[in-house]
PDB file of N, CA and C in Angstrom:
ATOM      1  N   MET A   1    -109.453 -21.981  50.094  1.00  0.00           N
ATOM      2  CA  MET A   1    -109.152 -20.570  50.190  1.00  0.00           C
ATOM      3  C   MET A   1    -110.403 -19.827  50.682  1.00  0.00           C
ATOM      4  N   THR A   2    -110.220 -18.966  51.656  1.00  0.00           N
ATOM      5  CA  THR A   2    -111.316 -18.215  52.244  1.00  0.00           C
ATOM      6  C   THR A   2    -111.731 -17.076  51.323  1.00  0.00           C
ATOM      7  N   GLU A   3    -113.030 -16.913  51.177  1.00  0.00           N
ATOM      8  CA  GLU A   3    -113.528 -15.788  50.395  1.00  0.00           C
ATOM      9  C   GLU A   3    -114.051 -14.720  51.343  1.00  0.00           C
ATOM     10  N   TYR A   4    -113.564 -13.510  51.180  1.00  0.00           N
ATOM     11  CA  TYR A   4    -113.957 -12.391  52.023  1.00  0.00           C
ATOM     12  C   TYR A   4    -115.243 -11.751  51.523  1.00  0.00           C
ATOM     13  N   GLU A   5    -116.031 -11.245  52.452  1.00  0.00           N
ATOM     14  CA  GLU A   5    -117.199 -10.447  52.106  1.00  0.00           C
ATOM     15  C   GLU A   5    -116.699  -9.022  51.853  1.00  0.00           C
ATOM     16  N   ILE A   6    -117.282  -8.356  50.882  1.00  0.00           N
ATOM     17  CA  ILE A   6    -116.907  -6.973  50.577  1.00  0.00           C
ATOM     18  C   ILE A   6    -118.008  -6.047  51.091  1.00  0.00           C
ATOM     19  N   GLN A   7    -117.617  -5.038  51.856  1.00  0.00           N
ATOM     20  CA  GLN A   7    -118.573  -4.027  52.304  1.00  0.00           C
ATOM     21  C   GLN A   7    -118.020  -2.656  51.927  1.00  0.00           C
ATOM     22  N   LEU A   8    -118.842  -1.882  51.255  1.00  0.00           N
ATOM     23  CA  LEU A   8    -118.450  -0.520  50.899  1.00  0.00           C
ATOM     24  C   LEU A   8    -119.063   0.443  51.904  1.00  0.00           C
ATOM     25  N   THR A   9    -118.260   1.356  52.405  1.00  0.00           N
ATOM     26  CA  THR A   9    -118.770   2.363  53.328  1.00  0.00           C
ATOM     27  C   THR A   9    -119.646   3.332  52.537  1.00  0.00           C
ATOM     28  N   PRO A  10    -120.502   4.091  53.221  1.00  0.00           N
ATOM     29  CA  PRO A  10    -121.309   5.103  52.511  1.00  0.00           C
ATOM     30  C   PRO A  10    -120.427   6.066  51.714  1.00  0.00           C
ATOM     31  N   LEU A  11    -119.272   6.427  52.266  1.00  0.00           N
ATOM     32  CA  LEU A  11    -118.351   7.315  51.561  1.00  0.00           C
ATOM     33  C   LEU A  11    -117.848   6.672  50.268  1.00  0.00           C
ATOM     34  N   ALA A  12    -117.472   5.403  50.338  1.00  0.00           N
ATOM     35  CA  ALA A  12    -116.985   4.701  49.148  1.00  0.00           C
ATOM     36  C   ALA A  12    -118.088   4.607  48.092  1.00  0.00           C
ATOM     37  N   LEU A  13    -119.312   4.332  48.524  1.00  0.00           N
ATOM     38  CA  LEU A  13    -120.435   4.268  47.578  1.00  0.00           C
ATOM     39  C   LEU A  13    -120.657   5.622  46.908  1.00  0.00           C
ATOM     40  N   GLU A  14    -120.547   6.683  47.701  1.00  0.00           N
ATOM     41  CA  GLU A  14    -120.710   8.031  47.158  1.00  0.00           C
ATOM     42  C   GLU A  14    -119.597   8.335  46.156  1.00  0.00           C
ATOM     43  N   MET A  15    -118.353   7.988  46.510  1.00  0.00           N
ATOM     44  CA  MET A  15    -117.221   8.241  45.617  1.00  0.00           C
ATOM     45  C   MET A  15    -117.363   7.450  44.320  1.00  0.00           C
ATOM     46  N   LEU A  16    -117.816   6.212  44.432  1.00  0.00           N
ATOM     47  CA  LEU A  16    -118.022   5.369  43.248  1.00  0.00           C
ATOM     48  C   LEU A  16    -119.137   5.959  42.384  1.00  0.00           C
ATOM     49  N   GLY A  17    -120.174   6.474  43.029  1.00  0.00           N
ATOM     50  CA  GLY A  17    -121.278   7.105  42.311  1.00  0.00           C
ATOM     51  C   GLY A  17    -120.858   8.367  41.579  1.00  0.00           C
ATOM     52  N   ASP A  18    -119.800   9.024  42.066  1.00  0.00           N
ATOM     53  CA  ASP A  18    -119.302  10.251  41.437  1.00  0.00           C
ATOM     54  C   ASP A  18    -118.505   9.987  40.170  1.00  0.00           C
ATOM     55  N   VAL A  19    -118.130   8.731  39.922  1.00  0.00           N
ATOM     56  CA  VAL A  19    -117.380   8.387  38.707  1.00  0.00           C
ATOM     57  C   VAL A  19    -118.352   8.469  37.528  1.00  0.00           C
ATOM     58  N   LYS A  20    -118.059   9.355  36.600  1.00  0.00           N
ATOM     59  CA  LYS A  20    -118.986   9.623  35.485  1.00  0.00           C
ATOM     60  C   LYS A  20    -118.919   8.562  34.378  1.00  0.00           C
ATOM     61  N   ASP A  21    -117.731   8.079  34.083  1.00  0.00           N
ATOM     62  CA  ASP A  21    -117.534   7.136  32.978  1.00  0.00           C
ATOM     63  C   ASP A  21    -117.988   5.734  33.401  1.00  0.00           C
ATOM     64  N   GLU A  22    -119.004   5.212  32.712  1.00  0.00           N
ATOM     65  CA  GLU A  22    -119.562   3.895  33.065  1.00  0.00           C
ATOM     66  C   GLU A  22    -118.536   2.766  32.916  1.00  0.00           C
ATOM     67  N   ARG A  23    -117.672   2.861  31.904  1.00  0.00           N
ATOM     68  CA  ARG A  23    -116.645   1.817  31.724  1.00  0.00           C
ATOM     69  C   ARG A  23    -115.688   1.798  32.911  1.00  0.00           C
ATOM     70  N   GLU A  24    -115.318   2.991  33.385  1.00  0.00           N
ATOM     71  CA  GLU A  24    -114.428   3.071  34.546  1.00  0.00           C
ATOM     72  C   GLU A  24    -115.126   2.514  35.774  1.00  0.00           C
ATOM     73  N   LYS A  25    -116.425   2.806  35.910  1.00  0.00           N
ATOM     74  CA  LYS A  25    -117.204   2.315  37.050  1.00  0.00           C
ATOM     75  C   LYS A  25    -117.228   0.787  37.071  1.00  0.00           C
ATOM     76  N   VAL A  26    -117.415   0.190  35.890  1.00  0.00           N
ATOM     77  CA  VAL A  26    -117.444  -1.280  35.778  1.00  0.00           C
ATOM     78  C   VAL A  26    -116.075  -1.862  36.145  1.00  0.00           C
ATOM     79  N   LYS A  27    -115.010  -1.243  35.636  1.00  0.00           N
ATOM     80  CA  LYS A  27    -113.658  -1.720  35.946  1.00  0.00           C
ATOM     81  C   LYS A  27    -113.363  -1.610  37.436  1.00  0.00           C
ATOM     82  N   LEU A  28    -113.804  -0.518  38.059  1.00  0.00           N
ATOM     83  CA  LEU A  28    -113.610  -0.351  39.501  1.00  0.00           C
ATOM     84  C   LEU A  28    -114.372  -1.437  40.272  1.00  0.00           C
ATOM     85  N   GLY A  29    -115.596  -1.695  39.845  1.00  0.00           N
ATOM     86  CA  GLY A  29    -116.400  -2.746  40.487  1.00  0.00           C
ATOM     87  C   GLY A  29    -115.742  -4.109  40.361  1.00  0.00           C
ATOM     88  N   ASP A  30    -115.203  -4.410  39.178  1.00  0.00           N
ATOM     89  CA  ASP A  30    -114.510  -5.687  38.966  1.00  0.00           C
ATOM     90  C   ASP A  30    -113.280  -5.794  39.856  1.00  0.00           C
ATOM     91  N   ARG A  31    -112.556  -4.680  39.982  1.00  0.00           N
ATOM     92  CA  ARG A  31    -111.328  -4.691  40.803  1.00  0.00           C
ATOM     93  C   ARG A  31    -111.674  -4.871  42.277  1.00  0.00           C
ATOM     94  N   ILE A  32    -112.738  -4.214  42.735  1.00  0.00           N
ATOM     95  CA  ILE A  32    -113.189  -4.375  44.119  1.00  0.00           C
ATOM     96  C   ILE A  32    -113.575  -5.833  44.358  1.00  0.00           C
ATOM     97  N   ASP A  33    -114.236  -6.432  43.380  1.00  0.00           N
ATOM     98  CA  ASP A  33    -114.669  -7.831  43.488  1.00  0.00           C
ATOM     99  C   ASP A  33    -113.475  -8.780  43.678  1.00  0.00           C
ATOM    100  N   LYS A  34    -112.348  -8.441  43.064  1.00  0.00           N
ATOM    101  CA  LYS A  34    -111.154  -9.291  43.182  1.00  0.00           C
ATOM    102  C   LYS A  34    -110.580  -9.296  44.596  1.00  0.00           C
ATOM    103  N   LEU A  35    -110.982  -8.326  45.420  1.00  0.00           N
ATOM    104  CA  LEU A  35    -110.490  -8.275  46.800  1.00  0.00           C
ATOM    105  C   LEU A  35    -111.107  -9.380  47.664  1.00  0.00           C
ATOM    106  N   LYS A  36    -112.074 -10.114  47.119  1.00  0.00           N
ATOM    107  CA  LYS A  36    -112.690 -11.213  47.867  1.00  0.00           C
ATOM    108  C   LYS A  36    -111.698 -12.319  48.182  1.00  0.00           C
ATOM    109  N   THR A  37    -110.693 -12.493  47.318  1.00  0.00           N
ATOM    110  CA  THR A  37    -109.707 -13.548  47.544  1.00  0.00           C
ATOM    111  C   THR A  37    -108.339 -12.949  47.820  1.00  0.00           C
ATOM    112  N   GLU A  38    -107.781 -13.329  48.941  1.00  0.00           N
ATOM    113  CA  GLU A  38    -106.440 -12.916  49.375  1.00  0.00           C
ATOM    114  C   GLU A  38    -106.218 -11.408  49.304  1.00  0.00           C
ATOM    115  N   PRO A  39    -107.069 -10.618  49.952  1.00  0.00           N
ATOM    116  CA  PRO A  39    -106.900  -9.158  49.897  1.00  0.00           C
ATOM    117  C   PRO A  39    -105.599  -8.690  50.537  1.00  0.00           C
ATOM    118  N   GLU A  40    -105.080  -9.475  51.475  1.00  0.00           N
ATOM    119  CA  GLU A  40    -103.829  -9.084  52.149  1.00  0.00           C
ATOM    120  C   GLU A  40    -102.628  -9.197  51.220  1.00  0.00           C
ATOM    121  N   LYS A  41    -102.765  -9.915  50.105  1.00  0.00           N
ATOM    122  CA  LYS A  41    -101.668 -10.068  49.152  1.00  0.00           C
ATOM    123  C   LYS A  41    -101.784  -9.072  48.000  1.00  0.00           C
ATOM    124  N   GLN A  42    -102.817  -8.246  48.035  1.00  0.00           N
ATOM    125  CA  GLN A  42    -103.027  -7.272  46.969  1.00  0.00           C
ATOM    126  C   GLN A  42    -102.691  -5.877  47.476  1.00  0.00           C
ATOM    127  N   GLY A  43    -102.372  -5.016  46.560  1.00  0.00           N
ATOM    128  CA  GLY A  43    -102.125  -3.623  46.921  1.00  0.00           C
ATOM    129  C   GLY A  43    -100.932  -3.465  47.836  1.00  0.00           C
ATOM    130  N   LYS A  44    -100.902  -2.325  48.524  1.00  0.00           N
ATOM    131  CA  LYS A  44     -99.793  -2.072  49.440  1.00  0.00           C
ATOM    132  C   LYS A  44    -100.335  -1.490  50.729  1.00  0.00           C
ATOM    133  N   ALA A  45     -99.607  -1.729  51.804  1.00  0.00           N
ATOM    134  CA  ALA A  45     -99.971  -1.170  53.101  1.00  0.00           C
ATOM    135  C   ALA A  45     -99.658   0.323  53.091  1.00  0.00           C
ATOM    136  N   LEU A  46    -100.560   1.108  53.644  1.00  0.00           N
ATOM    137  CA  LEU A  46    -100.361   2.555  53.712  1.00  0.00           C
ATOM    138  C   LEU A  46     -99.713   2.929  55.040  1.00  0.00           C
ATOM    139  N   VAL A  47     -99.155   4.130  55.099  1.00  0.00           N
ATOM    140  CA  VAL A  47     -98.418   4.570  56.285  1.00  0.00           C
ATOM    141  C   VAL A  47     -98.962   5.907  56.788  1.00  0.00           C
ATOM    142  N   ASP A  48     -98.335   6.410  57.834  1.00  0.00           N
ATOM    143  CA  ASP A  48     -98.679   7.691  58.443  1.00  0.00           C
ATOM    144  C   ASP A  48    -100.140   7.711  58.893  1.00  0.00           C
ATOM    145  N   ASN A  49    -100.904   8.707  58.435  1.00  0.00           N
ATOM    146  CA  ASN A  49    -102.292   8.853  58.884  1.00  0.00           C
ATOM    147  C   ASN A  49    -103.207   7.736  58.381  1.00  0.00           C
ATOM    148  N   LEU A  50    -102.760   6.978  57.400  1.00  0.00           N
ATOM    149  CA  LEU A  50    -103.594   5.904  56.836  1.00  0.00           C
ATOM    150  C   LEU A  50    -103.058   4.515  57.208  1.00  0.00           C
ATOM    151  N   THR A  51    -102.284   4.438  58.267  1.00  0.00           N
ATOM    152  CA  THR A  51    -101.778   3.146  58.733  1.00  0.00           C
ATOM    153  C   THR A  51    -102.956   2.232  59.058  1.00  0.00           C
ATOM    154  N   GLY A  52    -102.849   0.977  58.659  1.00  0.00           N
ATOM    155  CA  GLY A  52    -103.935   0.022  58.876  1.00  0.00           C
ATOM    156  C   GLY A  52    -104.797  -0.171  57.642  1.00  0.00           C
ATOM    157  N   PHE A  53    -104.620   0.715  56.668  1.00  0.00           N
ATOM    158  CA  PHE A  53    -105.361   0.603  55.422  1.00  0.00           C
ATOM    159  C   PHE A  53    -104.431   0.114  54.322  1.00  0.00           C
ATOM    160  N   ARG A  54    -105.031  -0.400  53.250  1.00  0.00           N
ATOM    161  CA  ARG A  54    -104.273  -0.842  52.092  1.00  0.00           C
ATOM    162  C   ARG A  54    -104.823  -0.109  50.867  1.00  0.00           C
ATOM    163  N   SER A  55    -104.007  -0.040  49.824  1.00  0.00           N
ATOM    164  CA  SER A  55    -104.390   0.636  48.592  1.00  0.00           C
ATOM    165  C   SER A  55    -104.059  -0.262  47.407  1.00  0.00           C
ATOM    166  N   VAL A  56    -104.992  -0.356  46.486  1.00  0.00           N
ATOM    167  CA  VAL A  56    -104.760  -1.121  45.266  1.00  0.00           C
ATOM    168  C   VAL A  56    -105.099  -0.226  44.078  1.00  0.00           C
ATOM    169  N   ARG A  57    -104.329  -0.356  43.011  1.00  0.00           N
ATOM    170  CA  ARG A  57    -104.548   0.450  41.802  1.00  0.00           C
ATOM    171  C   ARG A  57    -105.643  -0.163  40.954  1.00  0.00           C
ATOM    172  N   ALA A  58    -106.345   0.716  40.224  1.00  0.00           N
ATOM    173  CA  ALA A  58    -107.426   0.244  39.349  1.00  0.00           C
ATOM    174  C   ALA A  58    -107.532   1.170  38.143  1.00  0.00           C
ATOM    175  N   VAL A  59    -108.158   0.679  37.095  1.00  0.00           N
ATOM    176  CA  VAL A  59    -108.378   1.425  35.842  1.00  0.00           C
ATOM    177  C   VAL A  59    -107.046   2.018  35.378  1.00  0.00           C
ATOM    178  N   GLY A  60    -106.162   1.149  34.976  1.00  0.00           N
ATOM    179  CA  GLY A  60    -104.811   1.579  34.620  1.00  0.00           C
ATOM    180  C   GLY A  60    -104.128   1.953  35.921  1.00  0.00           C
ATOM    181  N   GLN A  61    -103.611   3.136  36.000  1.00  0.00           N
ATOM    182  CA  GLN A  61    -102.962   3.602  37.233  1.00  0.00           C
ATOM    183  C   GLN A  61    -103.712   4.783  37.846  1.00  0.00           C
ATOM    184  N   ARG A  62    -104.826   5.168  37.245  1.00  0.00           N
ATOM    185  CA  ARG A  62    -105.479   6.423  37.647  1.00  0.00           C
ATOM    186  C   ARG A  62    -106.190   6.372  38.990  1.00  0.00           C
ATOM    187  N   TYR A  63    -106.847   5.268  39.293  1.00  0.00           N
ATOM    188  CA  TYR A  63    -107.658   5.191  40.504  1.00  0.00           C
ATOM    189  C   TYR A  63    -106.978   4.374  41.593  1.00  0.00           C
ATOM    190  N   ARG A  64    -107.376   4.663  42.836  1.00  0.00           N
ATOM    191  CA  ARG A  64    -106.957   3.861  43.980  1.00  0.00           C
ATOM    192  C   ARG A  64    -108.205   3.426  44.725  1.00  0.00           C
ATOM    193  N   ILE A  65    -108.168   2.204  45.197  1.00  0.00           N
ATOM    194  CA  ILE A  65    -109.223   1.679  46.056  1.00  0.00           C
ATOM    195  C   ILE A  65    -108.577   1.496  47.423  1.00  0.00           C
ATOM    196  N   ILE A  66    -109.090   2.191  48.420  1.00  0.00           N
ATOM    197  CA  ILE A  66    -108.530   2.130  49.762  1.00  0.00           C
ATOM    198  C   ILE A  66    -109.416   1.205  50.586  1.00  0.00           C
ATOM    199  N   TYR A  67    -108.789   0.237  51.254  1.00  0.00           N
ATOM    200  CA  TYR A  67    -109.578  -0.736  52.008  1.00  0.00           C
ATOM    201  C   TYR A  67    -108.877  -1.163  53.288  1.00  0.00           C
ATOM    202  N   LYS A  68    -109.677  -1.785  54.160  1.00  0.00           N
ATOM    203  CA  LYS A  68    -109.181  -2.293  55.431  1.00  0.00           C
ATOM    204  C   LYS A  68    -109.699  -3.718  55.560  1.00  0.00           C
ATOM    205  N   ILE A  69    -108.859  -4.602  56.068  1.00  0.00           N
ATOM    206  CA  ILE A  69    -109.220  -6.016  56.184  1.00  0.00           C
ATOM    207  C   ILE A  69    -109.533  -6.337  57.638  1.00  0.00           C
ATOM    208  N   ASP A  70    -110.658  -7.002  57.862  1.00  0.00           N
ATOM    209  CA  ASP A  70    -110.979  -7.550  59.180  1.00  0.00           C
ATOM    210  C   ASP A  70    -110.911  -9.065  59.032  1.00  0.00           C
ATOM    211  N   ALA A  71    -109.753  -9.628  59.342  1.00  0.00           N
ATOM    212  CA  ALA A  71    -109.519 -11.065  59.131  1.00  0.00           C
ATOM    213  C   ALA A  71    -110.414 -11.925  60.017  1.00  0.00           C
ATOM    214  N   GLU A  72    -110.703 -11.449  61.232  1.00  0.00           N
ATOM    215  CA  GLU A  72    -111.561 -12.222  62.145  1.00  0.00           C
ATOM    216  C   GLU A  72    -112.962 -12.403  61.575  1.00  0.00           C
ATOM    217  N   LYS A  73    -113.513 -11.337  61.031  1.00  0.00           N
ATOM    218  CA  LYS A  73    -114.874 -11.378  60.491  1.00  0.00           C
ATOM    219  C   LYS A  73    -114.894 -11.733  59.013  1.00  0.00           C
ATOM    220  N   VAL A  74    -113.723 -11.868  58.411  1.00  0.00           N
ATOM    221  CA  VAL A  74    -113.569 -12.195  56.989  1.00  0.00           C
ATOM    222  C   VAL A  74    -114.314 -11.166  56.122  1.00  0.00           C
ATOM    223  N   ILE A  75    -114.016  -9.897  56.404  1.00  0.00           N
ATOM    224  CA  ILE A  75    -114.648  -8.799  55.663  1.00  0.00           C
ATOM    225  C   ILE A  75    -113.574  -7.836  55.164  1.00  0.00           C
ATOM    226  N   VAL A  76    -113.760  -7.349  53.955  1.00  0.00           N
ATOM    227  CA  VAL A  76    -112.934  -6.269  53.423  1.00  0.00           C
ATOM    228  C   VAL A  76    -113.833  -5.031  53.380  1.00  0.00           C
ATOM    229  N   PHE A  77    -113.429  -3.995  54.108  1.00  0.00           N
ATOM    230  CA  PHE A  77    -114.170  -2.736  54.104  1.00  0.00           C
ATOM    231  C   PHE A  77    -113.510  -1.793  53.099  1.00  0.00           C
ATOM    232  N   VAL A  78    -114.243  -1.451  52.045  1.00  0.00           N
ATOM    233  CA  VAL A  78    -113.728  -0.488  51.076  1.00  0.00           C
ATOM    234  C   VAL A  78    -114.093   0.887  51.621  1.00  0.00           C
ATOM    235  N   ILE A  79    -113.066   1.671  51.941  1.00  0.00           N
ATOM    236  CA  ILE A  79    -113.236   2.962  52.591  1.00  0.00           C
ATOM    237  C   ILE A  79    -113.419   4.080  51.570  1.00  0.00           C
ATOM    238  N   GLY A  80    -112.687   4.007  50.469  1.00  0.00           N
ATOM    239  CA  GLY A  80    -112.768   5.072  49.472  1.00  0.00           C
ATOM    240  C   GLY A  80    -112.293   4.617  48.111  1.00  0.00           C
ATOM    241  N   VAL A  81    -112.774   5.304  47.095  1.00  0.00           N
ATOM    242  CA  VAL A  81    -112.403   5.037  45.705  1.00  0.00           C
ATOM    243  C   VAL A  81    -112.208   6.392  45.046  1.00  0.00           C
ATOM    244  N   GLY A  82    -111.066   6.596  44.412  1.00  0.00           N
ATOM    245  CA  GLY A  82    -110.877   7.886  43.758  1.00  0.00           C
ATOM    246  C   GLY A  82    -109.610   7.953  42.955  1.00  0.00           C
ATOM    247  N   ARG A  83    -109.450   9.069  42.282  1.00  0.00           N
ATOM    248  CA  ARG A  83    -108.276   9.282  41.439  1.00  0.00           C
ATOM    249  C   ARG A  83    -107.073   9.679  42.264  1.00  0.00           C
ATOM    250  N   ARG A  84    -105.927   9.254  41.793  1.00  0.00           N
ATOM    251  CA  ARG A  84    -104.657   9.655  42.389  1.00  0.00           C
ATOM    252  C   ARG A  84    -104.221  10.909  41.659  1.00  0.00           C
ATOM    253  N   LYS A  85    -104.238  12.050  42.340  1.00  0.00           N
ATOM    254  CA  LYS A  85    -103.832  13.325  41.755  1.00  0.00           C
ATOM    255  C   LYS A  85    -102.878  13.985  42.732  1.00  0.00           C
ATOM    256  N   GLU A  86    -101.659  13.543  42.734  1.00  0.00           N
ATOM    257  CA  GLU A  86    -100.681  14.045  43.698  1.00  0.00           C
ATOM    258  C   GLU A  86    -100.608  15.566  43.676  1.00  0.00           C
ATOM    259  N   GLY A  87    -100.696  16.166  44.866  1.00  0.00           N
ATOM    260  CA  GLY A  87    -100.620  17.612  44.981  1.00  0.00           C
ATOM    261  C   GLY A  87    -101.964  18.312  44.813  1.00  0.00           C
ATOM    262  N   ASP A  88    -103.006  17.563  44.472  1.00  0.00           N
ATOM    263  CA  ASP A  88    -104.342  18.133  44.278  1.00  0.00           C
ATOM    264  C   ASP A  88    -105.177  17.869  45.532  1.00  0.00           C
ATOM    265  N   LYS A  89    -106.005  18.815  45.927  1.00  0.00           N
ATOM    266  CA  LYS A  89    -106.825  18.607  47.129  1.00  0.00           C
ATOM    267  C   LYS A  89    -107.870  17.508  46.919  1.00  0.00           C
ATOM    268  N   ARG A  90    -108.147  17.138  45.660  1.00  0.00           N
ATOM    269  CA  ARG A  90    -109.089  16.048  45.377  1.00  0.00           C
ATOM    270  C   ARG A  90    -108.390  14.698  45.246  1.00  0.00           C
ATOM    271  N   ASP A  91    -107.105  14.657  45.528  1.00  0.00           N
ATOM    272  CA  ASP A  91    -106.361  13.404  45.523  1.00  0.00           C
ATOM    273  C   ASP A  91    -106.983  12.471  46.564  1.00  0.00           C
ATOM    274  N   ILE A  92    -107.166  11.207  46.230  1.00  0.00           N
ATOM    275  CA  ILE A  92    -107.844  10.253  47.111  1.00  0.00           C
ATOM    276  C   ILE A  92    -107.181  10.164  48.485  1.00  0.00           C
ATOM    277  N   TYR A  93    -105.866  10.149  48.528  1.00  0.00           N
ATOM    278  CA  TYR A  93    -105.177  10.043  49.821  1.00  0.00           C
ATOM    279  C   TYR A  93    -105.381  11.304  50.662  1.00  0.00           C
ATOM    280  N   THR A  94    -105.290  12.461  50.025  1.00  0.00           N
ATOM    281  CA  THR A  94    -105.484  13.733  50.731  1.00  0.00           C
ATOM    282  C   THR A  94    -106.889  13.816  51.310  1.00  0.00           C
ATOM    283  N   MET A  95    -107.884  13.435  50.515  1.00  0.00           N
ATOM    284  CA  MET A  95    -109.269  13.493  50.974  1.00  0.00           C
ATOM    285  C   MET A  95    -109.505  12.546  52.147  1.00  0.00           C
ATOM    286  N   LEU A  96    -109.007  11.322  52.052  1.00  0.00           N
ATOM    287  CA  LEU A  96    -109.242  10.358  53.123  1.00  0.00           C
ATOM    288  C   LEU A  96    -108.502  10.728  54.398  1.00  0.00           C
ATOM    289  N   GLU A  97    -107.287  11.233  54.278  1.00  0.00           N
ATOM    290  CA  GLU A  97    -106.552  11.663  55.473  1.00  0.00           C
ATOM    291  C   GLU A  97    -107.341  12.750  56.205  1.00  0.00           C
ATOM    292  N   LYS A  98    -107.898  13.673  55.431  1.00  0.00           N
ATOM    293  CA  LYS A  98    -108.664  14.760  56.032  1.00  0.00           C
ATOM    294  C   LYS A  98    -109.945  14.212  56.686  1.00  0.00           C
ATOM    295  N   LEU A  99    -110.673  13.354  55.978  1.00  0.00           N
ATOM    296  CA  LEU A  99    -111.915  12.812  56.524  1.00  0.00           C
ATOM    297  C   LEU A  99    -111.682  11.912  57.728  1.00  0.00           C
ATOM    298  N   LEU A 100    -110.669  11.068  57.661  1.00  0.00           N
ATOM    299  CA  LEU A 100    -110.389  10.149  58.772  1.00  0.00           C
ATOM    300  C   LEU A 100    -109.788  10.875  59.961  1.00  0.00           C
ATOM    301  N   GLY A 101    -109.126  11.992  59.685  1.00  0.00           N
ATOM    302  CA  GLY A 101    -108.539  12.782  60.762  1.00  0.00           C
ATOM    303  C   GLY A 101    -109.593  13.507  61.571  1.00  0.00           C
ATOM    304  N   ASP A 102    -110.761  13.744  60.958  1.00  0.00           N
ATOM    305  CA  ASP A 102    -111.839  14.466  61.631  1.00  0.00           C
ATOM    306  C   ASP A 102    -112.615  13.584  62.604  1.00  0.00           C
ATOM    307  N   GLU A 103    -112.446  12.274  62.514  1.00  0.00           N
ATOM    308  CA  GLU A 103    -113.223  11.364  63.376  1.00  0.00           C
ATOM    309  C   GLU A 103    -112.713  11.363  64.785  1.00  0.00           C
TER     310      GLU A 103
END
């Protein structure tokens, strides 16, 4: 079984750094680490403005880890980490759609 390298973008590192609770931070780190094996079988494929990315739940159901797989290079790029707050401007999906739309 192939093991993927994990790379966190500067944005993902910043978002992870913004998590205040150390226990949640550790759980998020452990969940990201699990993406090393079979990341394509984890989480779900996203649609619309986030097509090409995948999302996996972490720390109960509160957080989402958004990532993209580069199978050729055997790398998982973690794009963002944040809380799912539907309808809130700080919702992880809303924030990433806005940031990725600006590129």
